[in-house]
Amino acid sequence: MLMEEEKAILVNLPTSVRGFVFTDDNGDPRIVVNARLTREQNRQTWDHEKKHIASGDMHEPNYIEYK
């Protein structure tokens, strides 16, 4: 299970979407990972999204990684 200080949410997403990060109503980061992918793919996604949290990307109003 993916657990660290940010809460991970496991959701069935289209396989083209590995995951994403957003802020909840309290402003806390939440990482969503795709339940249809492997544990290793989700670990890689987790690490990738943690980098977005560390750099504050989700607070940039014009930031979109994928369109």
Protein backbone atom coordinates (compact mmCIF):
# COMPACT_ATOMS: atom_id res chain seq x y z
CA MET A 1 0.00 0.00 0.00
CA LEU A 2 1.22 3.50 -0.80
CA MET A 3 1.26 5.49 2.40
CA GLU A 4 3.34 8.47 3.39
CA GLU A 5 2.41 11.91 4.68
CA GLU A 6 0.22 12.58 1.63
CA LYS A 7 -2.85 10.41 1.37
CA ALA A 8 -3.00 8.19 -1.71
CA ILE A 9 -6.35 7.44 -3.32
CA LEU A 10 -6.66 4.33 -5.49
CA VAL A 11 -9.19 4.85 -8.31
CA ASN A 12 -10.10 2.98 -11.50
CA LEU A 13 -8.98 5.43 -14.18
CA PRO A 14 -8.52 5.00 -17.93
CA THR A 15 -5.23 3.16 -18.45
CA SER A 16 -3.88 6.22 -20.27
CA VAL A 17 -3.99 8.11 -16.94
CA ARG A 18 -1.42 6.95 -14.40
CA GLY A 19 -2.42 9.42 -11.69
CA PHE A 20 -2.54 13.02 -10.58
CA VAL A 21 -2.28 15.27 -7.54
CA PHE A 22 -4.77 17.83 -6.23
CA THR A 23 -5.43 19.74 -3.04
CA ASP A 24 -8.44 18.83 -0.93
CA ASP A 25 -10.81 21.28 0.78
CA ASN A 26 -8.27 21.76 3.59
CA GLY A 27 -5.47 22.51 1.13
CA ASP A 28 -3.75 19.19 1.80
CA PRO A 29 -2.22 17.34 -1.17
CA ARG A 30 -3.90 14.15 -2.30
CA ILE A 31 -2.36 11.74 -4.80
CA VAL A 32 -4.66 9.68 -6.99
CA VAL A 33 -3.16 6.56 -8.56
CA ASN A 34 -4.74 4.20 -11.07
CA ALA A 35 -6.05 0.96 -9.55
CA ARG A 36 -5.83 -0.69 -12.99
CA LEU A 37 -2.05 -0.42 -13.07
CA THR A 38 0.62 -2.49 -11.32
CA ARG A 39 2.02 -1.75 -7.90
CA GLU A 40 5.35 -0.78 -9.52
CA GLN A 41 3.63 1.60 -11.95
CA ASN A 42 1.75 3.15 -9.02
CA ARG A 43 5.00 3.52 -7.05
CA GLN A 44 6.54 5.36 -10.02
CA THR A 45 3.43 7.53 -10.31
CA TRP A 46 3.54 8.21 -6.56
CA ASP A 47 7.17 9.36 -6.82
CA HIS A 48 6.35 11.52 -9.86
CA GLU A 49 3.40 13.20 -8.14
CA LYS A 50 5.48 13.77 -4.97
CA LYS A 51 7.84 15.85 -7.14
CA HIS A 52 4.88 18.00 -8.21
CA ILE A 53 3.96 18.49 -4.55
CA ALA A 54 7.54 19.39 -3.61
CA SER A 55 7.75 21.97 -6.41
CA GLY A 56 4.28 23.39 -5.67
CA ASP A 57 2.92 22.73 -9.15
CA MET A 58 -0.66 22.24 -7.97
CA HIS A 59 -0.66 25.82 -6.73
CA GLU A 60 0.17 27.18 -10.19
CA PRO A 61 -3.16 28.12 -11.84
CA ASN A 62 -1.86 27.63 -15.38
CA TYR A 63 -0.01 24.35 -14.80
CA ILE A 64 -1.35 21.40 -16.81
CA GLU A 65 0.95 18.45 -17.41
CA TYR A 66 -1.37 16.66 -19.84
CA LYS A 67 -4.14 18.07 -21.97
